[in-house]
């Protein structure tokens, strides 16, 4: 059964994980995004009083 021969498949698996774990994160983290927003202070609206119509 040639499917059970691990020689070519283990090398492909190891090389694929090497790419995923080493090269791709460096490529992805190297990108810069234009127009990033500056940190702003949070603004919380004051809740209004609820007027009950039956009181």
Protein backbone atom coordinates (compact mmCIF):
# COMPACT_ATOMS: atom_id res chain seq x y z
CA UNK A 1 0.00 0.00 0.00
CA UNK A 2 1.78 3.17 -1.10
CA UNK A 3 -0.45 5.41 1.07
CA UNK A 4 1.30 4.13 4.21
CA UNK A 5 4.79 5.11 3.05
CA UNK A 6 5.64 8.16 5.23
CA UNK A 7 8.75 9.25 3.33
CA UNK A 8 7.36 11.91 0.96
CA UNK A 9 4.37 12.87 3.10
CA UNK A 10 6.26 13.57 6.31
CA UNK A 11 8.66 15.89 4.48
CA UNK A 12 5.73 17.75 2.92
CA UNK A 13 4.01 18.03 6.30
CA UNK A 14 7.17 19.26 8.03
CA UNK A 15 7.92 21.82 5.32
CA UNK A 16 4.33 23.09 5.33
CA UNK A 17 4.37 23.63 9.09
CA UNK A 18 7.75 25.33 8.80
CA UNK A 19 6.21 27.82 6.36
CA UNK A 20 3.13 28.34 8.51
CA UNK A 21 4.99 28.81 11.78
CA UNK A 22 8.06 30.72 10.63
CA UNK A 23 7.70 32.57 7.35
CA UNK A 24 4.03 33.58 7.26
CA UNK A 25 3.90 35.35 10.65
CA UNK A 26 6.92 37.46 9.66
CA UNK A 27 5.24 38.38 6.36
CA UNK A 28 1.91 39.19 7.98
CA UNK A 29 3.36 41.22 10.85
CA UNK A 30 5.51 43.20 8.41
CA UNK A 31 2.50 44.93 6.90
CA UNK A 32 1.56 48.39 8.05
CA UNK A 33 -1.93 49.73 7.79
CA UNK A 34 -2.35 53.37 6.76
CA UNK A 35 -4.63 55.62 8.74
CA UNK A 36 -4.61 53.81 12.05
CA UNK A 37 -6.82 55.52 14.57
CA UNK A 38 -5.30 57.27 17.54
CA UNK A 39 -6.33 56.23 21.01
CA UNK A 40 -9.28 58.24 22.25
CA UNK A 41 -10.70 58.68 25.69
CA UNK A 42 -13.96 56.80 26.11
CA UNK A 43 -17.05 58.98 26.21
CA UNK A 44 -19.97 57.60 28.14
CA UNK A 45 -23.36 59.22 27.67
CA UNK A 46 -25.27 60.02 30.83
CA UNK A 47 -28.52 58.07 30.96
CA UNK A 48 -31.67 60.13 30.94
CA UNK A 49 -34.35 59.69 33.56
CA UNK A 50 -37.22 57.54 32.48
CA UNK A 51 -40.52 59.24 33.03
CA UNK A 52 -43.21 56.70 33.84
CA UNK A 53 -46.51 57.80 32.24
CA UNK A 54 -48.72 56.22 34.94
CA UNK A 55 -47.13 58.00 37.90
